[in-house]
Amino acid sequence: MSLTSSMEDYLKAILVLHQRHGNARCVDVADYLGVSKPSVSRAVKELSKSGHIIKKDGTLYLTQQGRQYAEQICERYQFFTARLVDAGVDRKTAEHDACNIEHAISAEAFQKLKDSLGEK
């Protein structure tokens, strides 16, 4: 299933919050992304329906499918942020642009780009 860039951002936020704090709640996701709690509630409902997350006792958990998807998005983000910073782009701009690129590039193009740079 293909997700919108917004839904991908929610998955990435949940993954990052789990890595940093050991858990992720809706309020944490809202703060992290700078969105309203009702927006998070709508996204959680959609991502639950699609099988990417589970909400239990107020905590959000990525399913195996959701974790895989979030890890791919994070990998792209980190890759493009690093390449842009290496090219001389200031970090804030690089992070903003990497966030846009991570959603736009196909899996095939990303893999070929990584391969061409000798990265695994």
PDB file of N, CA and C in Angstrom:
ATOM      1  N   MET A   1       0.836  -1.183   0.000  1.00  0.00           N
ATOM      2  CA  MET A   1       0.000   0.000   0.000  1.00  0.00           C
ATOM      3  C   MET A   1       0.878   1.242   0.000  1.00  0.00           C
ATOM      4  N   SER A   2       0.553   2.187  -0.827  1.00  0.00           N
ATOM      5  CA  SER A   2       1.275   3.438  -0.906  1.00  0.00           C
ATOM      6  C   SER A   2       0.674   4.442   0.084  1.00  0.00           C
ATOM      7  N   LEU A   3       1.539   5.085   0.852  1.00  0.00           N
ATOM      8  CA  LEU A   3       1.090   6.061   1.836  1.00  0.00           C
ATOM      9  C   LEU A   3       1.409   7.468   1.349  1.00  0.00           C
ATOM     10  N   THR A   4       0.667   8.434   1.845  1.00  0.00           N
ATOM     11  CA  THR A   4       0.961   9.829   1.534  1.00  0.00           C
ATOM     12  C   THR A   4       2.231  10.242   2.273  1.00  0.00           C
ATOM     13  N   SER A   5       2.833  11.329   1.846  1.00  0.00           N
ATOM     14  CA  SER A   5       4.038  11.807   2.521  1.00  0.00           C
ATOM     15  C   SER A   5       3.725  12.157   3.971  1.00  0.00           C
ATOM     16  N   SER A   6       2.538  12.647   4.226  1.00  0.00           N
ATOM     17  CA  SER A   6       2.130  12.974   5.593  1.00  0.00           C
ATOM     18  C   SER A   6       2.087  11.715   6.458  1.00  0.00           C
ATOM     19  N   MET A   7       1.514  10.650   5.940  1.00  0.00           N
ATOM     20  CA  MET A   7       1.439   9.395   6.688  1.00  0.00           C
ATOM     21  C   MET A   7       2.836   8.829   6.920  1.00  0.00           C
ATOM     22  N   GLU A   8       3.715   8.976   5.932  1.00  0.00           N
ATOM     23  CA  GLU A   8       5.098   8.540   6.100  1.00  0.00           C
ATOM     24  C   GLU A   8       5.774   9.323   7.226  1.00  0.00           C
ATOM     25  N   ASP A   9       5.484  10.622   7.306  1.00  0.00           N
ATOM     26  CA  ASP A   9       6.049  11.448   8.384  1.00  0.00           C
ATOM     27  C   ASP A   9       5.583  10.963   9.752  1.00  0.00           C
ATOM     28  N   TYR A  10       4.333  10.549   9.859  1.00  0.00           N
ATOM     29  CA  TYR A  10       3.827  10.024  11.129  1.00  0.00           C
ATOM     30  C   TYR A  10       4.560   8.738  11.513  1.00  0.00           C
ATOM     31  N   LEU A  11       4.760   7.850  10.549  1.00  0.00           N
ATOM     32  CA  LEU A  11       5.491   6.613  10.836  1.00  0.00           C
ATOM     33  C   LEU A  11       6.909   6.912  11.293  1.00  0.00           C
ATOM     34  N   LYS A  12       7.563   7.825  10.585  1.00  0.00           N
ATOM     35  CA  LYS A  12       8.927   8.200  10.938  1.00  0.00           C
ATOM     36  C   LYS A  12       8.970   8.800  12.338  1.00  0.00           C
ATOM     37  N   ALA A  13       8.010   9.642  12.661  1.00  0.00           N
ATOM     38  CA  ALA A  13       7.965  10.265  13.984  1.00  0.00           C
ATOM     39  C   ALA A  13       7.811   9.208  15.078  1.00  0.00           C
ATOM     40  N   ILE A  14       6.948   8.245  14.869  1.00  0.00           N
ATOM     41  CA  ILE A  14       6.744   7.184  15.862  1.00  0.00           C
ATOM     42  C   ILE A  14       8.040   6.396  16.056  1.00  0.00           C
ATOM     43  N   LEU A  15       8.715   6.070  14.970  1.00  0.00           N
ATOM     44  CA  LEU A  15       9.979   5.338  15.059  1.00  0.00           C
ATOM     45  C   LEU A  15      11.017   6.155  15.831  1.00  0.00           C
ATOM     46  N   VAL A  16      11.175   7.411  15.481  1.00  0.00           N
ATOM     47  CA  VAL A  16      12.160   8.268  16.145  1.00  0.00           C
ATOM     48  C   VAL A  16      11.847   8.407  17.638  1.00  0.00           C
ATOM     49  N   LEU A  17      10.589   8.617  17.967  1.00  0.00           N
ATOM     50  CA  LEU A  17      10.202   8.757  19.373  1.00  0.00           C
ATOM     51  C   LEU A  17      10.472   7.473  20.162  1.00  0.00           C
ATOM     52  N   HIS A  18      10.212   6.324  19.554  1.00  0.00           N
ATOM     53  CA  HIS A  18      10.509   5.057  20.219  1.00  0.00           C
ATOM     54  C   HIS A  18      12.011   4.915  20.437  1.00  0.00           C
ATOM     55  N   GLN A  19      12.800   5.316  19.448  1.00  0.00           N
ATOM     56  CA  GLN A  19      14.250   5.215  19.577  1.00  0.00           C
ATOM     57  C   GLN A  19      14.779   6.149  20.663  1.00  0.00           C
ATOM     58  N   ARG A  20      14.214   7.329  20.747  1.00  0.00           N
ATOM     59  CA  ARG A  20      14.684   8.325  21.717  1.00  0.00           C
ATOM     60  C   ARG A  20      14.170   8.097  23.129  1.00  0.00           C
ATOM     61  N   HIS A  21      12.885   7.723  23.255  1.00  0.00           N
ATOM     62  CA  HIS A  21      12.247   7.693  24.562  1.00  0.00           C
ATOM     63  C   HIS A  21      11.691   6.324  24.966  1.00  0.00           C
ATOM     64  N   GLY A  22      11.709   5.375  24.061  1.00  0.00           N
ATOM     65  CA  GLY A  22      11.185   4.053  24.380  1.00  0.00           C
ATOM     66  C   GLY A  22       9.695   3.899  24.165  1.00  0.00           C
ATOM     67  N   ASN A  23       9.014   5.013  23.852  1.00  0.00           N
ATOM     68  CA  ASN A  23       7.583   4.934  23.562  1.00  0.00           C
ATOM     69  C   ASN A  23       7.153   6.159  22.757  1.00  0.00           C
ATOM     70  N   ALA A  24       5.942   6.096  22.253  1.00  0.00           N
ATOM     71  CA  ALA A  24       5.372   7.216  21.495  1.00  0.00           C
ATOM     72  C   ALA A  24       3.882   7.280  21.786  1.00  0.00           C
ATOM     73  N   ARG A  25       3.445   8.454  22.225  1.00  0.00           N
ATOM     74  CA  ARG A  25       2.016   8.689  22.447  1.00  0.00           C
ATOM     75  C   ARG A  25       1.558   9.738  21.441  1.00  0.00           C
ATOM     76  N   CYS A  26       0.274   9.862  21.263  1.00  0.00           N
ATOM     77  CA  CYS A  26      -0.263  10.827  20.296  1.00  0.00           C
ATOM     78  C   CYS A  26       0.232  12.241  20.586  1.00  0.00           C
ATOM     79  N   VAL A  27       0.248  12.622  21.861  1.00  0.00           N
ATOM     80  CA  VAL A  27       0.684  13.969  22.224  1.00  0.00           C
ATOM     81  C   VAL A  27       2.157  14.171  21.852  1.00  0.00           C
ATOM     82  N   ASP A  28       2.971  13.129  21.995  1.00  0.00           N
ATOM     83  CA  ASP A  28       4.386  13.211  21.630  1.00  0.00           C
ATOM     84  C   ASP A  28       4.546  13.409  20.125  1.00  0.00           C
ATOM     85  N   VAL A  29       3.763  12.672  19.361  1.00  0.00           N
ATOM     86  CA  VAL A  29       3.810  12.788  17.903  1.00  0.00           C
ATOM     87  C   VAL A  29       3.379  14.184  17.480  1.00  0.00           C
ATOM     88  N   ALA A  30       2.328  14.701  18.099  1.00  0.00           N
ATOM     89  CA  ALA A  30       1.849  16.053  17.780  1.00  0.00           C
ATOM     90  C   ALA A  30       2.946  17.080  18.048  1.00  0.00           C
ATOM     91  N   ASP A  31       3.593  16.972  19.194  1.00  0.00           N
ATOM     92  CA  ASP A  31       4.679  17.899  19.535  1.00  0.00           C
ATOM     93  C   ASP A  31       5.850  17.760  18.561  1.00  0.00           C
ATOM     94  N   TYR A  32       6.226  16.539  18.261  1.00  0.00           N
ATOM     95  CA  TYR A  32       7.364  16.264  17.377  1.00  0.00           C
ATOM     96  C   TYR A  32       7.142  16.844  15.980  1.00  0.00           C
ATOM     97  N   LEU A  33       5.934  16.644  15.456  1.00  0.00           N
ATOM     98  CA  LEU A  33       5.634  17.099  14.092  1.00  0.00           C
ATOM     99  C   LEU A  33       5.087  18.526  14.033  1.00  0.00           C
ATOM    100  N   GLY A  34       4.718  19.072  15.190  1.00  0.00           N
ATOM    101  CA  GLY A  34       4.156  20.413  15.206  1.00  0.00           C
ATOM    102  C   GLY A  34       2.766  20.470  14.586  1.00  0.00           C
ATOM    103  N   VAL A  35       1.974  19.431  14.872  1.00  0.00           N
ATOM    104  CA  VAL A  35       0.603  19.353  14.356  1.00  0.00           C
ATOM    105  C   VAL A  35      -0.366  19.245  15.525  1.00  0.00           C
ATOM    106  N   SER A  36      -1.645  19.359  15.224  1.00  0.00           N
ATOM    107  CA  SER A  36      -2.660  19.277  16.275  1.00  0.00           C
ATOM    108  C   SER A  36      -2.914  17.824  16.685  1.00  0.00           C
ATOM    109  N   LYS A  37      -3.427  17.658  17.890  1.00  0.00           N
ATOM    110  CA  LYS A  37      -3.767  16.317  18.371  1.00  0.00           C
ATOM    111  C   LYS A  37      -4.869  15.673  17.526  1.00  0.00           C
ATOM    112  N   PRO A  38      -5.887  16.451  17.073  1.00  0.00           N
ATOM    113  CA  PRO A  38      -6.882  15.839  16.178  1.00  0.00           C
ATOM    114  C   PRO A  38      -6.269  15.330  14.866  1.00  0.00           C
ATOM    115  N   SER A  39      -5.256  16.019  14.354  1.00  0.00           N
ATOM    116  CA  SER A  39      -4.572  15.544  13.146  1.00  0.00           C
ATOM    117  C   SER A  39      -3.897  14.209  13.400  1.00  0.00           C
ATOM    118  N   VAL A  40      -3.277  14.091  14.550  1.00  0.00           N
ATOM    119  CA  VAL A  40      -2.619  12.832  14.911  1.00  0.00           C
ATOM    120  C   VAL A  40      -3.669  11.732  15.057  1.00  0.00           C
ATOM    121  N   SER A  41      -4.786  12.040  15.674  1.00  0.00           N
ATOM    122  CA  SER A  41      -5.849  11.047  15.852  1.00  0.00           C
ATOM    123  C   SER A  41      -6.346  10.519  14.508  1.00  0.00           C
ATOM    124  N   ARG A  42      -6.519  11.425  13.546  1.00  0.00           N
ATOM    125  CA  ARG A  42      -6.952  10.993  12.203  1.00  0.00           C
ATOM    126  C   ARG A  42      -5.902  10.103  11.552  1.00  0.00           C
ATOM    127  N   ALA A  43      -4.647  10.504  11.663  1.00  0.00           N
ATOM    128  CA  ALA A  43      -3.561   9.719  11.066  1.00  0.00           C
ATOM    129  C   ALA A  43      -3.455   8.348  11.731  1.00  0.00           C
ATOM    130  N   VAL A  44      -3.582   8.310  13.047  1.00  0.00           N
ATOM    131  CA  VAL A  44      -3.508   7.045  13.782  1.00  0.00           C
ATOM    132  C   VAL A  44      -4.617   6.111  13.316  1.00  0.00           C
ATOM    133  N   LYS A  45      -5.797   6.646  13.128  1.00  0.00           N
ATOM    134  CA  LYS A  45      -6.920   5.835  12.656  1.00  0.00           C
ATOM    135  C   LYS A  45      -6.610   5.226  11.290  1.00  0.00           C
ATOM    136  N   GLU A  46      -6.096   6.048  10.377  1.00  0.00           N
ATOM    137  CA  GLU A  46      -5.767   5.566   9.028  1.00  0.00           C
ATOM    138  C   GLU A  46      -4.623   4.553   9.051  1.00  0.00           C
ATOM    139  N   LEU A  47      -3.576   4.862   9.816  1.00  0.00           N
ATOM    140  CA  LEU A  47      -2.422   3.962   9.875  1.00  0.00           C
ATOM    141  C   LEU A  47      -2.763   2.658  10.593  1.00  0.00           C
ATOM    142  N   SER A  48      -3.708   2.698  11.502  1.00  0.00           N
ATOM    143  CA  SER A  48      -4.181   1.469  12.149  1.00  0.00           C
ATOM    144  C   SER A  48      -4.953   0.616  11.148  1.00  0.00           C
ATOM    145  N   LYS A  49      -5.814   1.278  10.387  1.00  0.00           N
ATOM    146  CA  LYS A  49      -6.600   0.555   9.374  1.00  0.00           C
ATOM    147  C   LYS A  49      -5.707  -0.098   8.330  1.00  0.00           C
ATOM    148  N   SER A  50      -4.622   0.587   7.978  1.00  0.00           N
ATOM    149  CA  SER A  50      -3.726   0.062   6.936  1.00  0.00           C
ATOM    150  C   SER A  50      -2.745  -0.975   7.473  1.00  0.00           C
ATOM    151  N   GLY A  51      -2.764  -1.201   8.796  1.00  0.00           N
ATOM    152  CA  GLY A  51      -1.909  -2.233   9.375  1.00  0.00           C
ATOM    153  C   GLY A  51      -0.495  -1.782   9.678  1.00  0.00           C
ATOM    154  N   HIS A  52      -0.255  -0.474   9.733  1.00  0.00           N
ATOM    155  CA  HIS A  52       1.091   0.037   9.987  1.00  0.00           C
ATOM    156  C   HIS A  52       1.377   0.290  11.467  1.00  0.00           C
ATOM    157  N   ILE A  53       0.324   0.554  12.239  1.00  0.00           N
ATOM    158  CA  ILE A  53       0.517   0.804  13.671  1.00  0.00           C
ATOM    159  C   ILE A  53      -0.592   0.152  14.479  1.00  0.00           C
ATOM    160  N   ILE A  54      -0.317   0.036  15.768  1.00  0.00           N
ATOM    161  CA  ILE A  54      -1.292  -0.441  16.748  1.00  0.00           C
ATOM    162  C   ILE A  54      -1.270   0.559  17.896  1.00  0.00           C
ATOM    163  N   LYS A  55      -2.431   0.916  18.390  1.00  0.00           N
ATOM    164  CA  LYS A  55      -2.519   1.789  19.564  1.00  0.00           C
ATOM    165  C   LYS A  55      -3.040   0.951  20.714  1.00  0.00           C
ATOM    166  N   LYS A  56      -2.246   0.906  21.793  1.00  0.00           N
ATOM    167  CA  LYS A  56      -2.628   0.106  22.951  1.00  0.00           C
ATOM    168  C   LYS A  56      -2.316   0.903  24.211  1.00  0.00           C
ATOM    169  N   ASP A  57      -3.323   1.106  25.044  1.00  0.00           N
ATOM    170  CA  ASP A  57      -3.166   1.840  26.307  1.00  0.00           C
ATOM    171  C   ASP A  57      -2.526   3.215  26.099  1.00  0.00           C
ATOM    172  N   GLY A  58      -2.907   3.889  25.022  1.00  0.00           N
ATOM    173  CA  GLY A  58      -2.422   5.241  24.760  1.00  0.00           C
ATOM    174  C   GLY A  58      -1.058   5.314  24.097  1.00  0.00           C
ATOM    175  N   THR A  59      -0.413   4.175  23.903  1.00  0.00           N
ATOM    176  CA  THR A  59       0.911   4.141  23.280  1.00  0.00           C
ATOM    177  C   THR A  59       0.786   3.620  21.857  1.00  0.00           C
ATOM    178  N   LEU A  60       1.565   4.227  20.963  1.00  0.00           N
ATOM    179  CA  LEU A  60       1.573   3.826  19.564  1.00  0.00           C
ATOM    180  C   LEU A  60       2.733   2.876  19.304  1.00  0.00           C
ATOM    181  N   TYR A  61       2.443   1.791  18.613  1.00  0.00           N
ATOM    182  CA  TYR A  61       3.457   0.799  18.265  1.00  0.00           C
ATOM    183  C   TYR A  61       3.436   0.581  16.760  1.00  0.00           C
ATOM    184  N   LEU A  62       4.602   0.462  16.174  1.00  0.00           N
ATOM    185  CA  LEU A  62       4.695   0.122  14.761  1.00  0.00           C
ATOM    186  C   LEU A  62       4.547  -1.383  14.615  1.00  0.00           C
ATOM    187  N   THR A  63       3.780  -1.805  13.626  1.00  0.00           N
ATOM    188  CA  THR A  63       3.735  -3.217  13.272  1.00  0.00           C
ATOM    189  C   THR A  63       5.021  -3.519  12.518  1.00  0.00           C
ATOM    190  N   GLN A  64       5.240  -4.763  12.193  1.00  0.00           N
ATOM    191  CA  GLN A  64       6.430  -5.117  11.413  1.00  0.00           C
ATOM    192  C   GLN A  64       6.423  -4.345  10.091  1.00  0.00           C
ATOM    193  N   GLN A  65       5.272  -4.297   9.444  1.00  0.00           N
ATOM    194  CA  GLN A  65       5.123  -3.566   8.184  1.00  0.00           C
ATOM    195  C   GLN A  65       5.399  -2.074   8.393  1.00  0.00           C
ATOM    196  N   GLY A  66       4.860  -1.520   9.455  1.00  0.00           N
ATOM    197  CA  GLY A  66       5.055  -0.109   9.749  1.00  0.00           C
ATOM    198  C   GLY A  66       6.501   0.222  10.064  1.00  0.00           C
ATOM    199  N   ARG A  67       7.156  -0.646  10.823  1.00  0.00           N
ATOM    200  CA  ARG A  67       8.566  -0.433  11.170  1.00  0.00           C
ATOM    201  C   ARG A  67       9.435  -0.468   9.913  1.00  0.00           C
ATOM    202  N   GLN A  68       9.180  -1.436   9.055  1.00  0.00           N
ATOM    203  CA  GLN A  68       9.940  -1.543   7.810  1.00  0.00           C
ATOM    204  C   GLN A  68       9.801  -0.261   6.986  1.00  0.00           C
ATOM    205  N   TYR A  69       8.588   0.192   6.851  1.00  0.00           N
ATOM    206  CA  TYR A  69       8.299   1.397   6.074  1.00  0.00           C
ATOM    207  C   TYR A  69       8.991   2.601   6.709  1.00  0.00           C
ATOM    208  N   ALA A  70       8.869   2.745   8.030  1.00  0.00           N
ATOM    209  CA  ALA A  70       9.472   3.877   8.738  1.00  0.00           C
ATOM    210  C   ALA A  70      10.998   3.842   8.627  1.00  0.00           C
ATOM    211  N   GLU A  71      11.580   2.670   8.724  1.00  0.00           N
ATOM    212  CA  GLU A  71      13.031   2.558   8.606  1.00  0.00           C
ATOM    213  C   GLU A  71      13.517   2.953   7.216  1.00  0.00           C
ATOM    214  N   GLN A  72      12.749   2.601   6.184  1.00  0.00           N
ATOM    215  CA  GLN A  72      13.105   3.005   4.818  1.00  0.00           C
ATOM    216  C   GLN A  72      13.068   4.523   4.677  1.00  0.00           C
ATOM    217  N   ILE A  73      12.039   5.147   5.222  1.00  0.00           N
ATOM    218  CA  ILE A  73      11.914   6.598   5.152  1.00  0.00           C
ATOM    219  C   ILE A  73      13.061   7.263   5.912  1.00  0.00           C
ATOM    220  N   CYS A  74      13.369   6.752   7.091  1.00  0.00           N
ATOM    221  CA  CYS A  74      14.478   7.308   7.883  1.00  0.00           C
ATOM    222  C   CYS A  74      15.810   7.155   7.157  1.00  0.00           C
ATOM    223  N   GLU A  75      16.016   6.008   6.532  1.00  0.00           N
ATOM    224  CA  GLU A  75      17.258   5.791   5.781  1.00  0.00           C
ATOM    225  C   GLU A  75      17.398   6.821   4.661  1.00  0.00           C
ATOM    226  N   ARG A  76      16.328   7.048   3.937  1.00  0.00           N
ATOM    227  CA  ARG A  76      16.370   8.037   2.854  1.00  0.00           C
ATOM    228  C   ARG A  76      16.657   9.432   3.402  1.00  0.00           C
ATOM    229  N   TYR A  77      15.972   9.776   4.483  1.00  0.00           N
ATOM    230  CA  TYR A  77      16.153  11.090   5.094  1.00  0.00           C
ATOM    231  C   TYR A  77      17.600  11.290   5.528  1.00  0.00           C
ATOM    232  N   GLN A  78      18.157  10.317   6.222  1.00  0.00           N
ATOM    233  CA  GLN A  78      19.530  10.420   6.700  1.00  0.00           C
ATOM    234  C   GLN A  78      20.514  10.478   5.539  1.00  0.00           C
ATOM    235  N   PHE A  79      20.274   9.674   4.514  1.00  0.00           N
ATOM    236  CA  PHE A  79      21.139   9.648   3.335  1.00  0.00           C
ATOM    237  C   PHE A  79      21.169  11.019   2.660  1.00  0.00           C
ATOM    238  N   PHE A  80      19.987  11.564   2.387  1.00  0.00           N
ATOM    239  CA  PHE A  80      19.947  12.837   1.670  1.00  0.00           C
ATOM    240  C   PHE A  80      20.411  14.004   2.535  1.00  0.00           C
ATOM    241  N   THR A  81      20.122  13.957   3.817  1.00  0.00           N
ATOM    242  CA  THR A  81      20.622  15.010   4.699  1.00  0.00           C
ATOM    243  C   THR A  81      22.147  15.022   4.675  1.00  0.00           C
ATOM    244  N   ALA A  82      22.743  13.856   4.820  1.00  0.00           N
ATOM    245  CA  ALA A  82      24.212  13.756   4.824  1.00  0.00           C
ATOM    246  C   ALA A  82      24.816  14.209   3.502  1.00  0.00           C
ATOM    247  N   ARG A  83      24.235  13.780   2.388  1.00  0.00           N
ATOM    248  CA  ARG A  83      24.783  14.168   1.072  1.00  0.00           C
ATOM    249  C   ARG A  83      24.696  15.677   0.870  1.00  0.00           C
ATOM    250  N   LEU A  84      23.573  16.270   1.277  1.00  0.00           N
ATOM    251  CA  LEU A  84      23.392  17.708   1.100  1.00  0.00           C
ATOM    252  C   LEU A  84      24.343  18.500   2.002  1.00  0.00           C
ATOM    253  N   VAL A  85      24.500  18.057   3.241  1.00  0.00           N
ATOM    254  CA  VAL A  85      25.442  18.733   4.148  1.00  0.00           C
ATOM    255  C   VAL A  85      26.864  18.601   3.599  1.00  0.00           C
ATOM    256  N   ASP A  86      27.220  17.406   3.110  1.00  0.00           N
ATOM    257  CA  ASP A  86      28.547  17.187   2.516  1.00  0.00           C
ATOM    258  C   ASP A  86      28.782  18.096   1.317  1.00  0.00           C
ATOM    259  N   ALA A  87      27.696  18.425   0.608  1.00  0.00           N
ATOM    260  CA  ALA A  87      27.807  19.287  -0.569  1.00  0.00           C
ATOM    261  C   ALA A  87      27.874  20.768  -0.192  1.00  0.00           C
ATOM    262  N   GLY A  88      27.750  21.064   1.119  1.00  0.00           N
ATOM    263  CA  GLY A  88      27.871  22.441   1.566  1.00  0.00           C
ATOM    264  C   GLY A  88      26.571  23.139   1.908  1.00  0.00           C
ATOM    265  N   VAL A  89      25.467  22.411   1.883  1.00  0.00           N
ATOM    266  CA  VAL A  89      24.175  22.992   2.245  1.00  0.00           C
ATOM    267  C   VAL A  89      24.106  23.071   3.771  1.00  0.00           C
ATOM    268  N   ASP A  90      23.608  24.192   4.304  1.00  0.00           N
ATOM    269  CA  ASP A  90      23.507  24.287   5.757  1.00  0.00           C
ATOM    270  C   ASP A  90      22.529  23.235   6.270  1.00  0.00           C
ATOM    271  N   ARG A  91      22.764  22.773   7.499  1.00  0.00           N
ATOM    272  CA  ARG A  91      22.026  21.623   8.047  1.00  0.00           C
ATOM    273  C   ARG A  91      20.517  21.826   8.033  1.00  0.00           C
ATOM    274  N   LYS A  92      20.035  22.974   8.430  1.00  0.00           N
ATOM    275  CA  LYS A  92      18.587  23.207   8.497  1.00  0.00           C
ATOM    276  C   LYS A  92      17.950  23.070   7.104  1.00  0.00           C
ATOM    277  N   THR A  93      18.575  23.663   6.106  1.00  0.00           N
ATOM    278  CA  THR A  93      18.079  23.555   4.731  1.00  0.00           C
ATOM    279  C   THR A  93      18.190  22.122   4.237  1.00  0.00           C
ATOM    280  N   ALA A  94      19.310  21.466   4.549  1.00  0.00           N
ATOM    281  CA  ALA A  94      19.512  20.079   4.121  1.00  0.00           C
ATOM    282  C   ALA A  94      18.436  19.169   4.702  1.00  0.00           C
ATOM    283  N   GLU A  95      18.115  19.361   5.985  1.00  0.00           N
ATOM    284  CA  GLU A  95      17.086  18.537   6.623  1.00  0.00           C
ATOM    285  C   GLU A  95      15.717  18.783   5.993  1.00  0.00           C
ATOM    286  N   HIS A  96      15.411  20.030   5.705  1.00  0.00           N
ATOM    287  CA  HIS A  96      14.123  20.364   5.076  1.00  0.00           C
ATOM    288  C   HIS A  96      14.029  19.738   3.685  1.00  0.00           C
ATOM    289  N   ASP A  97      15.082  19.912   2.892  1.00  0.00           N
ATOM    290  CA  ASP A  97      15.073  19.372   1.536  1.00  0.00           C
ATOM    291  C   ASP A  97      15.076  17.842   1.539  1.00  0.00           C
ATOM    292  N   ALA A  98      15.830  17.239   2.461  1.00  0.00           N
ATOM    293  CA  ALA A  98      15.870  15.780   2.549  1.00  0.00           C
ATOM    294  C   ALA A  98      14.491  15.221   2.866  1.00  0.00           C
ATOM    295  N   CYS A  99      13.742  15.943   3.691  1.00  0.00           N
ATOM    296  CA  CYS A  99      12.386  15.509   4.033  1.00  0.00           C
ATOM    297  C   CYS A  99      11.498  15.490   2.791  1.00  0.00           C
ATOM    298  N   ASN A 100      11.690  16.443   1.905  1.00  0.00           N
ATOM    299  CA  ASN A 100      10.912  16.463   0.664  1.00  0.00           C
ATOM    300  C   ASN A 100      11.373  15.369  -0.290  1.00  0.00           C
ATOM    301  N   ILE A 101      12.670  15.192  -0.412  1.00  0.00           N
ATOM    302  CA  ILE A 101      13.215  14.200  -1.348  1.00  0.00           C
ATOM    303  C   ILE A 101      12.835  12.785  -0.923  1.00  0.00           C
ATOM    304  N   GLU A 102      12.863  12.505   0.389  1.00  0.00           N
ATOM    305  CA  GLU A 102      12.597  11.147   0.872  1.00  0.00           C
ATOM    306  C   GLU A 102      11.246  10.623   0.411  1.00  0.00           C
ATOM    307  N   HIS A 103      10.304  11.523   0.210  1.00  0.00           N
ATOM    308  CA  HIS A 103       8.962  11.111  -0.202  1.00  0.00           C
ATOM    309  C   HIS A 103       8.838  10.989  -1.721  1.00  0.00           C
ATOM    310  N   ALA A 104       9.676  11.713  -2.442  1.00  0.00           N
ATOM    311  CA  ALA A 104       9.512  11.808  -3.891  1.00  0.00           C
ATOM    312  C   ALA A 104      10.266  10.742  -4.672  1.00  0.00           C
ATOM    313  N   ILE A 105      11.354  10.247  -4.132  1.00  0.00           N
ATOM    314  CA  ILE A 105      12.203   9.329  -4.897  1.00  0.00           C
ATOM    315  C   ILE A 105      11.651   7.898  -4.834  1.00  0.00           C
ATOM    316  N   SER A 106      11.735   7.211  -5.944  1.00  0.00           N
ATOM    317  CA  SER A 106      11.284   5.815  -5.979  1.00  0.00           C
ATOM    318  C   SER A 106      12.320   4.927  -5.306  1.00  0.00           C
ATOM    319  N   ALA A 107      11.877   3.753  -4.892  1.00  0.00           N
ATOM    320  CA  ALA A 107      12.789   2.795  -4.263  1.00  0.00           C
ATOM    321  C   ALA A 107      13.904   2.413  -5.233  1.00  0.00           C
ATOM    322  N   GLU A 108      13.553   2.237  -6.494  1.00  0.00           N
ATOM    323  CA  GLU A 108      14.547   1.864  -7.503  1.00  0.00           C
ATOM    324  C   GLU A 108      15.597   2.959  -7.671  1.00  0.00           C
ATOM    325  N   ALA A 109      15.149   4.198  -7.818  1.00  0.00           N
ATOM    326  CA  ALA A 109      16.091   5.306  -8.005  1.00  0.00           C
ATOM    327  C   ALA A 109      16.977   5.483  -6.779  1.00  0.00           C
ATOM    328  N   PHE A 110      16.408   5.351  -5.602  1.00  0.00           N
ATOM    329  CA  PHE A 110      17.194   5.485  -4.375  1.00  0.00           C
ATOM    330  C   PHE A 110      18.269   4.404  -4.307  1.00  0.00           C
ATOM    331  N   GLN A 111      17.898   3.174  -4.595  1.00  0.00           N
ATOM    332  CA  GLN A 111      18.864   2.077  -4.551  1.00  0.00           C
ATOM    333  C   GLN A 111      19.974   2.278  -5.579  1.00  0.00           C
ATOM    334  N   LYS A 112      19.622   2.694  -6.781  1.00  0.00           N
ATOM    335  CA  LYS A 112      20.633   2.911  -7.824  1.00  0.00           C
ATOM    336  C   LYS A 112      21.574   4.062  -7.445  1.00  0.00           C
ATOM    337  N   LEU A 113      21.028   5.092  -6.835  1.00  0.00           N
ATOM    338  CA  LEU A 113      21.858   6.205  -6.380  1.00  0.00           C
ATOM    339  C   LEU A 113      22.826   5.735  -5.290  1.00  0.00           C
ATOM    340  N   LYS A 114      22.321   4.986  -4.330  1.00  0.00           N
ATOM    341  CA  LYS A 114      23.197   4.439  -3.284  1.00  0.00           C
ATOM    342  C   LYS A 114      24.275   3.547  -3.882  1.00  0.00           C
ATOM    343  N   ASP A 115      23.876   2.678  -4.805  1.00  0.00           N
ATOM    344  CA  ASP A 115      24.831   1.778  -5.457  1.00  0.00           C
ATOM    345  C   ASP A 115      25.914   2.557  -6.204  1.00  0.00           C
ATOM    346  N   SER A 116      25.511   3.614  -6.882  1.00  0.00           N
ATOM    347  CA  SER A 116      26.467   4.396  -7.667  1.00  0.00           C
ATOM    348  C   SER A 116      27.487   5.101  -6.773  1.00  0.00           C
ATOM    349  N   LEU A 117      27.125   5.319  -5.508  1.00  0.00           N
ATOM    350  CA  LEU A 117      28.020   5.957  -4.552  1.00  0.00           C
ATOM    351  C   LEU A 117      28.752   4.929  -3.689  1.00  0.00           C
ATOM    352  N   GLY A 118      28.516   3.643  -3.984  1.00  0.00           N
ATOM    353  CA  GLY A 118      29.190   2.578  -3.260  1.00  0.00           C
ATOM    354  C   GLY A 118      28.689   2.371  -1.848  1.00  0.00           C
ATOM    355  N   GLU A 119      27.426   2.737  -1.592  1.00  0.00           N
ATOM    356  CA  GLU A 119      26.848   2.549  -0.258  1.00  0.00           C
ATOM    357  C   GLU A 119      25.910   1.359  -0.258  1.00  0.00           C
ATOM    358  N   LYS A 120      25.787   0.747   0.903  1.00  0.00           N
ATOM    359  CA  LYS A 120      24.909  -0.434   1.014  1.00  0.00           C
ATOM    360  C   LYS A 120      23.590  -0.057   1.586  1.00  0.00           C
TER     361      LYS A 120
END
